[in-house]
Amino acid sequence: MTELNEKDLELIGAARRAITANYDGERYMHTVGAAVRAAGGKIYVGIDVYSNHGACAELVALGAAMTAGEREFTHIVAVRGPEGAELLPPCGNCRQLLSDYAPGCQVIVPTPAGPRKVPAKELLPFAYEVE
């Protein structure tokens, strides 16, 4: 795990702006914001979308990036709350998708020592692999 730098803080800020602009505290339909940095440096954001089944903010951000033609990602982060104050690790489904689409992507996660970066492939040992 490595410590954060200015570009990482910029990414966290983008995720916070995404959820601050879209937070739904009444129905809790949108409570998480995410930001992903593509290899070229562009940042894409997403928010969680819930109904009976939903999509996590990380997946929405990755989908936005892929829709724009991106295929390589360097960093991703998710935050929760009306101001995005809480840093979130990816859920199991997001870990699998990151393992599939961006195994080398650095994921910003909370740790007892503060926020750190870890490669996506390390977040899901024994990940399912399509042959």
Foldseek 3Di string as FASTA:
>chain_A
DADDDPLVVVQLQVQLVVLLVPPDPPPRQWWKKKWWAFPVGDIFIATWGDDPDTDHRQVRRVVVCVVVPTQETAEMWMAGDNRSPHTADDDPVVLLVCVVRYQQHWYWHQDPVGTDTDGSVVVDPPHDDDD
